[in-house]
Amino acid sequence: MKQLKVTLAKSLIDQKQSLKRTARALGLRRIGATRVHADTAVIRGMVFQVKHLLKVEEL
């Protein structure tokens, strides 16, 4: 199964609360935090919401 490596590249300061919650649900708490997730529609949707704050790689 494909996986996505998601890294928080920009700060969550001054972002909407919903975007902060989405990043937190992805397991990203601070800049530079990296998590690997299964490539599912749910994860893709969450990544799409905060794509301007993330760096994403397919594994």
N, C-alpha and C. Protein backbone atom coordinates (compact mmCIF):
# COMPACT_ATOMS: atom_id res chain seq x y z
N MET A 1 0.84 -1.18 0.00
CA MET A 1 0.00 0.00 0.00
C MET A 1 0.89 1.25 0.00
N LYS A 2 0.50 2.25 -0.77
CA LYS A 2 1.25 3.50 -0.82
C LYS A 2 1.14 4.23 0.51
N GLN A 3 2.15 5.05 0.75
CA GLN A 3 2.16 5.84 1.97
C GLN A 3 2.53 7.28 1.64
N LEU A 4 2.13 8.19 2.51
CA LEU A 4 2.45 9.60 2.37
C LEU A 4 3.31 10.03 3.55
N LYS A 5 4.41 10.70 3.27
CA LYS A 5 5.25 11.29 4.31
C LYS A 5 4.88 12.77 4.37
N VAL A 6 4.33 13.19 5.49
CA VAL A 6 3.80 14.54 5.65
C VAL A 6 4.66 15.29 6.67
N THR A 7 5.15 16.47 6.27
CA THR A 7 5.99 17.30 7.14
C THR A 7 5.37 18.68 7.26
N LEU A 8 5.27 19.17 8.50
CA LEU A 8 4.77 20.53 8.72
C LEU A 8 5.90 21.51 8.41
N ALA A 9 5.71 22.33 7.35
CA ALA A 9 6.76 23.22 6.88
C ALA A 9 6.57 24.66 7.36
N LYS A 10 5.34 25.03 7.68
CA LYS A 10 5.07 26.40 8.11
C LYS A 10 4.32 26.38 9.44
N SER A 11 4.37 27.50 10.13
CA SER A 11 3.79 27.62 11.46
C SER A 11 2.26 27.60 11.43
N LEU A 12 1.68 27.13 12.52
CA LEU A 12 0.23 27.13 12.69
C LEU A 12 -0.26 28.40 13.37
N ILE A 13 0.67 29.28 13.76
CA ILE A 13 0.28 30.54 14.38
C ILE A 13 -0.52 31.37 13.38
N ASP A 14 -1.58 31.98 13.85
CA ASP A 14 -2.44 32.85 13.04
C ASP A 14 -3.21 32.08 11.96
N GLN A 15 -3.41 30.78 12.16
CA GLN A 15 -4.24 29.98 11.26
C GLN A 15 -5.59 29.75 11.93
N LYS A 16 -6.59 29.44 11.13
CA LYS A 16 -7.91 29.15 11.67
C LYS A 16 -7.85 27.93 12.58
N GLN A 17 -8.72 27.90 13.55
CA GLN A 17 -8.75 26.80 14.51
C GLN A 17 -8.97 25.45 13.82
N SER A 18 -9.80 25.44 12.78
CA SER A 18 -10.07 24.19 12.07
C SER A 18 -8.80 23.65 11.39
N LEU A 19 -7.95 24.53 10.88
CA LEU A 19 -6.70 24.09 10.25
C LEU A 19 -5.73 23.57 11.30
N LYS A 20 -5.71 24.21 12.47
CA LYS A 20 -4.86 23.73 13.56
C LYS A 20 -5.28 22.33 13.99
N ARG A 21 -6.60 22.11 14.07
CA ARG A 21 -7.11 20.80 14.47
C ARG A 21 -6.78 19.74 13.43
N THR A 22 -6.85 20.10 12.16
CA THR A 22 -6.54 19.16 11.09
C THR A 22 -5.07 18.76 11.15
N ALA A 23 -4.18 19.73 11.33
CA ALA A 23 -2.75 19.43 11.43
C ALA A 23 -2.48 18.56 12.65
N ARG A 24 -3.15 18.85 13.75
CA ARG A 24 -2.98 18.06 14.98
C ARG A 24 -3.46 16.62 14.77
N ALA A 25 -4.57 16.46 14.03
CA ALA A 25 -5.10 15.13 13.75
C ALA A 25 -4.14 14.33 12.86
N LEU A 26 -3.36 15.02 12.06
CA LEU A 26 -2.34 14.35 11.24
C LEU A 26 -1.10 14.00 12.06
N GLY A 27 -1.07 14.44 13.31
CA GLY A 27 0.06 14.15 14.19
C GLY A 27 1.17 15.16 14.10
N LEU A 28 0.86 16.35 13.57
CA LEU A 28 1.88 17.39 13.38
C LEU A 28 1.69 18.48 14.42
N ARG A 29 2.64 18.59 15.33
CA ARG A 29 2.51 19.55 16.43
C ARG A 29 3.43 20.74 16.28
N ARG A 30 4.60 20.55 15.70
CA ARG A 30 5.55 21.66 15.57
C ARG A 30 6.20 21.62 14.19
N ILE A 31 6.80 22.74 13.82
CA ILE A 31 7.45 22.84 12.51
C ILE A 31 8.54 21.78 12.41
N GLY A 32 8.57 21.09 11.29
CA GLY A 32 9.55 20.04 11.08
C GLY A 32 9.07 18.67 11.49
N ALA A 33 7.93 18.59 12.15
CA ALA A 33 7.38 17.30 12.56
C ALA A 33 6.99 16.50 11.31
N THR A 34 7.33 15.22 11.29
CA THR A 34 7.06 14.36 10.14
C THR A 34 6.32 13.12 10.59
N ARG A 35 5.32 12.74 9.80
CA ARG A 35 4.55 11.52 10.06
C ARG A 35 4.35 10.79 8.75
N VAL A 36 4.25 9.47 8.82
CA VAL A 36 3.96 8.66 7.65
C VAL A 36 2.57 8.08 7.83
N HIS A 37 1.71 8.30 6.82
CA HIS A 37 0.34 7.83 6.86
C HIS A 37 0.05 6.98 5.64
N ALA A 38 -0.91 6.08 5.76
CA ALA A 38 -1.39 5.32 4.60
C ALA A 38 -2.06 6.29 3.64
N ASP A 39 -1.91 6.02 2.35
CA ASP A 39 -2.48 6.90 1.32
C ASP A 39 -3.94 6.54 1.10
N THR A 40 -4.81 7.13 1.94
CA THR A 40 -6.25 6.89 1.83
C THR A 40 -6.95 8.19 1.48
N ALA A 41 -8.21 8.09 1.10
CA ALA A 41 -8.99 9.27 0.74
C ALA A 41 -9.14 10.21 1.93
N VAL A 42 -9.28 9.67 3.12
CA VAL A 42 -9.44 10.48 4.32
C VAL A 42 -8.18 11.31 4.57
N ILE A 43 -7.02 10.68 4.51
CA ILE A 43 -5.76 11.38 4.74
C ILE A 43 -5.52 12.40 3.63
N ARG A 44 -5.81 12.03 2.38
CA ARG A 44 -5.65 12.97 1.26
C ARG A 44 -6.51 14.21 1.47
N GLY A 45 -7.72 14.04 1.96
CA GLY A 45 -8.61 15.17 2.21
C GLY A 45 -8.06 16.08 3.29
N MET A 46 -7.51 15.48 4.35
CA MET A 46 -6.93 16.28 5.43
C MET A 46 -5.70 17.04 4.93
N VAL A 47 -4.87 16.37 4.14
CA VAL A 47 -3.68 17.01 3.58
C VAL A 47 -4.09 18.16 2.66
N PHE A 48 -5.15 17.96 1.88
CA PHE A 48 -5.62 19.01 0.96
C PHE A 48 -6.03 20.27 1.71
N GLN A 49 -6.63 20.10 2.88
CA GLN A 49 -7.08 21.26 3.66
C GLN A 49 -5.93 22.13 4.14
N VAL A 50 -4.80 21.52 4.44
CA VAL A 50 -3.67 22.28 4.99
C VAL A 50 -2.45 22.20 4.07
N LYS A 51 -2.67 22.00 2.78
CA LYS A 51 -1.57 21.79 1.83
C LYS A 51 -0.60 22.97 1.78
N HIS A 52 -1.07 24.18 2.06
CA HIS A 52 -0.20 25.35 2.03
C HIS A 52 0.78 25.40 3.21
N LEU A 53 0.58 24.52 4.19
CA LEU A 53 1.45 24.48 5.37
C LEU A 53 2.37 23.26 5.36
N LEU A 54 2.17 22.33 4.42
CA LEU A 54 2.84 21.04 4.45
C LEU A 54 3.80 20.84 3.29
N LYS A 55 4.69 19.86 3.49
CA LYS A 55 5.50 19.30 2.42
C LYS A 55 5.13 17.81 2.40
N VAL A 56 4.71 17.30 1.25
CA VAL A 56 4.21 15.93 1.15
C VAL A 56 5.03 15.15 0.13
N GLU A 57 5.41 13.92 0.51
CA GLU A 57 6.13 13.03 -0.39
C GLU A 57 5.40 11.70 -0.43
N GLU A 58 5.35 11.09 -1.61
CA GLU A 58 4.78 9.74 -1.74
C GLU A 58 5.91 8.73 -1.57
N LEU A 59 5.66 7.72 -0.76
CA LEU A 59 6.66 6.67 -0.54
C LEU A 59 6.27 5.42 -1.29
